Structures are given as C-alpha cells and as structure tokens.
Amino acid sequence: MRPPLPPFTDASAIEKVRLAEDAWNGRDPGKVALAYTPDSQWRNRAEFINGRAEIEAFLTRKWARELDYRLVKELWAFTGNRIAVRFAYEFHDDDGTWFRAYGNENWEFDNDGLMRRRIASINEHPIQQSDRKLRWPLGRRPDDHPGLSDLGF
C-alpha cells in the first residue's frame, strides 16, 4: 500500500503530488521506483519504459547527467484514480550549463496507490545560472519555497 489511495480527493491528490516531488528531489532511483507497480508503463518524452527495473535504470542515468536537480510539481487536475500534474525542474550538465525543463504528466494508480502508468511530456532550454529560480539545499523543497504558480511558471 502506498497512501494516499484512490479515489482521490483534493487534499489527497495534493498530498500525492507533494510526496512524488519529495521522492524525486531525494534522487534515490531504487526508492523512487518503489512508488510504481512492478509492471508500470511510462512514456517519458519519446522513451518507453516498462517495469521497476527499467524505471530504476532510467532514473540512475537521468540523475547521473542532470546534476544538482531540483523539481517542483503542482496538481493540475484529478479524478478517481488519475492525477494530472505540471512541473518544472532545473539542473546543470557536466559542462556547467544550466537548464530548466517544463512539463506535464498524467498518472494512473492501482487500488494500492502505486502508479501503474506515467505519461510525461517535457521541454527544456538552457538558462543562465543567475536565472535559476529553484534554489534550496539539495533534497526536499522547503515548505516556504515558492511553488510553480508563485514563480509564474
């Protein structure tokens, strides 16, 4: 069981989104993969990923190249066992070039609260380090740090 469980309410959908954000900001591929069903299906940009082992491998690759990764997610809509979110994240590469990515995700959960489907559409662009907006020590976003709407994203 991975509460909160569907069917979602406004409060439980917001909690589910924040728990996902917190996990991804922890950047532990094995821990994050446990939030998904063993046969979870993803579309991440143009990449298709199936099952926890592939999810863990994908996240390991992602966070090895997306350094100092910081993410903010925001609930967009929900119904029953589905949640739609929008997000932004910032990172830099090995060369020190900073990027900001924006995207949307559609999530579908099983009755135990595990995500069985994740469909992500993401665009990114380089930014100057001085233009970064997601600034906090690595790990969980502090509660007083602005969210996406507050940042104008």
C-alpha atoms as a PDB file:
ATOM      1  CA  MET A   1       0.000   0.000   0.000  1.00  0.00           C
ATOM      2  CA  ARG A   2       1.230   3.482  -0.910  1.00  0.00           C
ATOM      3  CA  PRO A   3      -1.183   6.041   0.572  1.00  0.00           C
ATOM      4  CA  PRO A   4      -2.921   8.207  -0.193  1.00  0.00           C
ATOM      5  CA  LEU A   5      -5.114   5.810  -2.126  1.00  0.00           C
ATOM      6  CA  PRO A   6      -7.631   6.410  -4.886  1.00  0.00           C
ATOM      7  CA  PRO A   7     -10.249   7.607  -5.340  1.00  0.00           C
ATOM      8  CA  PHE A   8      -8.511  10.933  -4.730  1.00  0.00           C
ATOM      9  CA  THR A   9      -9.914  13.996  -3.043  1.00  0.00           C
ATOM     10  CA  ASP A  10      -8.492  17.483  -3.470  1.00  0.00           C
ATOM     11  CA  ALA A  11      -6.423  17.070  -0.295  1.00  0.00           C
ATOM     12  CA  SER A  12      -5.207  13.543  -1.076  1.00  0.00           C
ATOM     13  CA  ALA A  13      -4.300  14.435  -4.682  1.00  0.00           C
ATOM     14  CA  ILE A  14      -2.249  17.419  -3.471  1.00  0.00           C
ATOM     15  CA  GLU A  15      -0.553  15.148  -0.910  1.00  0.00           C
ATOM     16  CA  LYS A  16       0.220  12.502  -3.560  1.00  0.00           C
ATOM     17  CA  VAL A  17       1.820  15.134  -5.803  1.00  0.00           C
ATOM     18  CA  ARG A  18       3.967  16.506  -2.973  1.00  0.00           C
ATOM     19  CA  LEU A  19       5.089  13.012  -1.952  1.00  0.00           C
ATOM     20  CA  ALA A  20       6.153  12.341  -5.543  1.00  0.00           C
ATOM     21  CA  GLU A  21       8.020  15.651  -5.715  1.00  0.00           C
ATOM     22  CA  ASP A  22       9.784  14.903  -2.424  1.00  0.00           C
ATOM     23  CA  ALA A  23      10.837  11.447  -3.613  1.00  0.00           C
ATOM     24  CA  TRP A  24      12.212  12.716  -6.934  1.00  0.00           C
ATOM     25  CA  ASN A  25      14.105  15.503  -5.147  1.00  0.00           C
ATOM     26  CA  GLY A  26      15.702  12.794  -2.996  1.00  0.00           C
ATOM     27  CA  ARG A  27      17.204  11.357  -6.219  1.00  0.00           C
ATOM     28  CA  ASP A  28      17.282   7.758  -4.973  1.00  0.00           C
ATOM     29  CA  PRO A  29      16.307   5.659  -8.033  1.00  0.00           C
ATOM     30  CA  GLY A  30      15.620   2.489  -6.036  1.00  0.00           C
ATOM     31  CA  LYS A  31      13.377   4.261  -3.549  1.00  0.00           C
ATOM     32  CA  VAL A  32      11.523   6.212  -6.236  1.00  0.00           C
ATOM     33  CA  ALA A  33      10.912   3.050  -8.295  1.00  0.00           C
ATOM     34  CA  LEU A  34       9.008   1.505  -5.361  1.00  0.00           C
ATOM     35  CA  ALA A  35       6.187   4.023  -5.895  1.00  0.00           C
ATOM     36  CA  TYR A  36       5.345   2.283  -9.198  1.00  0.00           C
ATOM     37  CA  THR A  37       3.737  -1.068  -9.894  1.00  0.00           C
ATOM     38  CA  PRO A  38       6.156  -3.863 -10.868  1.00  0.00           C
ATOM     39  CA  ASP A  39       4.760  -3.670 -14.422  1.00  0.00           C
ATOM     40  CA  SER A  40       4.358   0.124 -14.562  1.00  0.00           C
ATOM     41  CA  GLN A  41       4.384   1.679 -18.029  1.00  0.00           C
ATOM     42  CA  TRP A  42       5.976   5.039 -18.754  1.00  0.00           C
ATOM     43  CA  ARG A  43       6.327   7.327 -21.681  1.00  0.00           C
ATOM     44  CA  ASN A  44       8.997   9.884 -20.862  1.00  0.00           C
ATOM     45  CA  ARG A  45       9.404  12.225 -23.818  1.00  0.00           C
ATOM     46  CA  ALA A  46       9.948   9.694 -26.654  1.00  0.00           C
ATOM     47  CA  GLU A  47      11.270   6.898 -24.409  1.00  0.00           C
ATOM     48  CA  PHE A  48       9.077   3.976 -23.385  1.00  0.00           C
ATOM     49  CA  ILE A  49       9.917   2.368 -20.036  1.00  0.00           C
ATOM     50  CA  ASN A  50       8.363  -0.781 -18.572  1.00  0.00           C
ATOM     51  CA  GLY A  51       8.617  -2.048 -15.016  1.00  0.00           C
ATOM     52  CA  ARG A  52      10.533  -1.070 -11.918  1.00  0.00           C
ATOM     53  CA  ALA A  53      13.938  -2.305 -13.119  1.00  0.00           C
ATOM     54  CA  GLU A  54      13.746  -0.097 -16.224  1.00  0.00           C
ATOM     55  CA  ILE A  55      12.437   2.822 -14.140  1.00  0.00           C
ATOM     56  CA  GLU A  56      15.351   2.495 -11.739  1.00  0.00           C
ATOM     57  CA  ALA A  57      17.852   2.279 -14.618  1.00  0.00           C
ATOM     58  CA  PHE A  58      16.296   5.319 -16.315  1.00  0.00           C
ATOM     59  CA  LEU A  59      16.420   7.405 -13.122  1.00  0.00           C
ATOM     60  CA  THR A  60      20.012   6.332 -12.443  1.00  0.00           C
ATOM     61  CA  ARG A  61      21.017   7.584 -15.918  1.00  0.00           C
ATOM     62  CA  LYS A  62      18.930  10.739 -15.548  1.00  0.00           C
ATOM     63  CA  TRP A  63      20.399  11.868 -12.249  1.00  0.00           C
ATOM     64  CA  ALA A  64      23.953  10.967 -13.298  1.00  0.00           C
ATOM     65  CA  ARG A  65      23.739  13.561 -16.083  1.00  0.00           C
ATOM     66  CA  GLU A  66      21.229  16.047 -14.584  1.00  0.00           C
ATOM     67  CA  LEU A  67      23.333  17.419 -11.730  1.00  0.00           C
ATOM     68  CA  ASP A  68      22.040  19.464  -8.770  1.00  0.00           C
ATOM     69  CA  TYR A  69      18.498  18.535  -9.865  1.00  0.00           C
ATOM     70  CA  ARG A  70      15.636  20.403  -8.185  1.00  0.00           C
ATOM     71  CA  LEU A  71      11.968  19.825  -9.033  1.00  0.00           C
ATOM     72  CA  VAL A  72       8.620  21.442  -8.262  1.00  0.00           C
ATOM     73  CA  LYS A  73       5.324  19.701  -9.088  1.00  0.00           C
ATOM     74  CA  GLU A  74       1.821  21.138  -8.932  1.00  0.00           C
ATOM     75  CA  LEU A  75      -1.563  19.452  -9.138  1.00  0.00           C
ATOM     76  CA  TRP A  76      -3.404  20.324 -12.329  1.00  0.00           C
ATOM     77  CA  ALA A  77      -6.468  18.047 -12.142  1.00  0.00           C
ATOM     78  CA  PHE A  78      -7.637  14.707 -10.747  1.00  0.00           C
ATOM     79  CA  THR A  79     -10.485  12.232 -10.899  1.00  0.00           C
ATOM     80  CA  GLY A  80     -10.889   8.762  -9.427  1.00  0.00           C
ATOM     81  CA  ASN A  81      -7.507   7.037  -9.771  1.00  0.00           C
ATOM     82  CA  ARG A  82      -5.911   9.604 -12.099  1.00  0.00           C
ATOM     83  CA  ILE A  83      -3.886  12.751 -11.418  1.00  0.00           C
ATOM     84  CA  ALA A  84      -2.523  15.320 -13.874  1.00  0.00           C
ATOM     85  CA  VAL A  85       0.415  17.469 -12.790  1.00  0.00           C
ATOM     86  CA  ARG A  86       2.586  20.149 -14.249  1.00  0.00           C
ATOM     87  CA  PHE A  87       6.173  20.611 -13.204  1.00  0.00           C
ATOM     88  CA  ALA A  88       9.431  22.449 -13.669  1.00  0.00           C
ATOM     89  CA  TYR A  89      12.930  21.362 -12.787  1.00  0.00           C
ATOM     90  CA  GLU A  90      16.418  22.787 -13.049  1.00  0.00           C
ATOM     91  CA  PHE A  91      19.781  21.064 -13.363  1.00  0.00           C
ATOM     92  CA  HIS A  92      23.197  21.517 -14.888  1.00  0.00           C
ATOM     93  CA  ASP A  93      25.303  19.226 -17.037  1.00  0.00           C
ATOM     94  CA  ASP A  94      28.969  18.220 -16.702  1.00  0.00           C
ATOM     95  CA  ASP A  95      29.996  21.380 -18.535  1.00  0.00           C
ATOM     96  CA  GLY A  96      28.190  23.603 -16.020  1.00  0.00           C
ATOM     97  CA  THR A  97      25.389  24.639 -18.387  1.00  0.00           C
ATOM     98  CA  TRP A  98      22.123  25.116 -16.511  1.00  0.00           C
ATOM     99  CA  PHE A  99      18.760  24.033 -17.910  1.00  0.00           C
ATOM    100  CA  ARG A 100      15.139  24.468 -16.951  1.00  0.00           C
ATOM    101  CA  ALA A 101      12.599  21.862 -18.019  1.00  0.00           C
ATOM    102  CA  TYR A 102       8.823  22.280 -18.045  1.00  0.00           C
ATOM    103  CA  GLY A 103       6.300  19.538 -18.463  1.00  0.00           C
ATOM    104  CA  ASN A 104       3.057  17.779 -17.792  1.00  0.00           C
ATOM    105  CA  GLU A 105       2.448  14.281 -16.501  1.00  0.00           C
ATOM    106  CA  ASN A 106      -0.621  12.082 -16.479  1.00  0.00           C
ATOM    107  CA  TRP A 107      -0.629   9.474 -13.735  1.00  0.00           C
ATOM    108  CA  GLU A 108      -2.841   6.424 -13.230  1.00  0.00           C
ATOM    109  CA  PHE A 109      -2.808   4.471  -9.959  1.00  0.00           C
ATOM    110  CA  ASP A 110      -3.839   0.997  -8.896  1.00  0.00           C
ATOM    111  CA  ASN A 111      -6.045   0.426  -5.834  1.00  0.00           C
ATOM    112  CA  ASP A 112      -2.950   0.181  -3.584  1.00  0.00           C
ATOM    113  CA  GLY A 113      -1.812   3.686  -4.529  1.00  0.00           C
ATOM    114  CA  LEU A 114       1.045   2.539  -6.786  1.00  0.00           C
ATOM    115  CA  MET A 115       1.428   4.340 -10.094  1.00  0.00           C
ATOM    116  CA  ARG A 116       0.805   1.956 -12.971  1.00  0.00           C
ATOM    117  CA  ARG A 117       1.077   4.468 -15.792  1.00  0.00           C
ATOM    118  CA  ARG A 118       3.057   7.706 -16.216  1.00  0.00           C
ATOM    119  CA  ILE A 119       2.889   9.737 -19.407  1.00  0.00           C
ATOM    120  CA  ALA A 120       5.280  12.708 -19.436  1.00  0.00           C
ATOM    121  CA  SER A 121       5.725  15.487 -21.972  1.00  0.00           C
ATOM    122  CA  ILE A 122       8.797  17.630 -21.281  1.00  0.00           C
ATOM    123  CA  ASN A 123      10.583  20.571 -22.910  1.00  0.00           C
ATOM    124  CA  GLU A 124      13.819  22.098 -21.696  1.00  0.00           C
ATOM    125  CA  HIS A 125      16.046  25.018 -22.524  1.00  0.00           C
ATOM    126  CA  PRO A 126      19.380  26.373 -21.314  1.00  0.00           C
ATOM    127  CA  ILE A 127      19.321  29.159 -18.732  1.00  0.00           C
ATOM    128  CA  GLN A 128      21.937  31.334 -17.126  1.00  0.00           C
ATOM    129  CA  GLN A 129      22.861  30.304 -13.590  1.00  0.00           C
ATOM    130  CA  SER A 130      21.705  33.764 -12.474  1.00  0.00           C
ATOM    131  CA  ASP A 131      18.219  32.984 -13.901  1.00  0.00           C
ATOM    132  CA  ARG A 132      17.694  29.936 -11.699  1.00  0.00           C
ATOM    133  CA  LYS A 133      14.520  30.024  -9.610  1.00  0.00           C
ATOM    134  CA  LEU A 134      14.688  26.664  -7.831  1.00  0.00           C
ATOM    135  CA  ARG A 135      17.247  27.421  -5.157  1.00  0.00           C
ATOM    136  CA  TRP A 136      17.316  25.403  -1.978  1.00  0.00           C
ATOM    137  CA  PRO A 137      19.757  22.890  -0.485  1.00  0.00           C
ATOM    138  CA  LEU A 138      19.587  19.552  -2.321  1.00  0.00           C
ATOM    139  CA  GLY A 139      16.723  17.377  -1.137  1.00  0.00           C
ATOM    140  CA  ARG A 140      13.136  18.206  -0.249  1.00  0.00           C
ATOM    141  CA  ARG A 141      11.832  21.612  -1.323  1.00  0.00           C
ATOM    142  CA  PRO A 142      11.264  23.700   1.810  1.00  0.00           C
ATOM    143  CA  ASP A 143       7.616  24.408   2.562  1.00  0.00           C
ATOM    144  CA  ASP A 144       8.212  28.166   2.299  1.00  0.00           C
ATOM    145  CA  HIS A 145       9.844  27.971  -1.161  1.00  0.00           C
ATOM    146  CA  PRO A 146       7.524  29.299  -3.893  1.00  0.00           C
ATOM    147  CA  GLY A 147       5.609  26.785  -5.991  1.00  0.00           C
ATOM    148  CA  LEU A 148       5.058  26.884  -9.758  1.00  0.00           C
ATOM    149  CA  SER A 149       2.167  29.336  -9.709  1.00  0.00           C
ATOM    150  CA  ASP A 150       4.017  31.635  -7.296  1.00  0.00           C
ATOM    151  CA  LEU A 151       7.046  31.596  -9.627  1.00  0.00           C
ATOM    152  CA  GLY A 152       4.904  32.415 -12.653  1.00  0.00           C
ATOM    153  CA  PHE A 153       5.690  29.104 -14.321  1.00  0.00           C
END
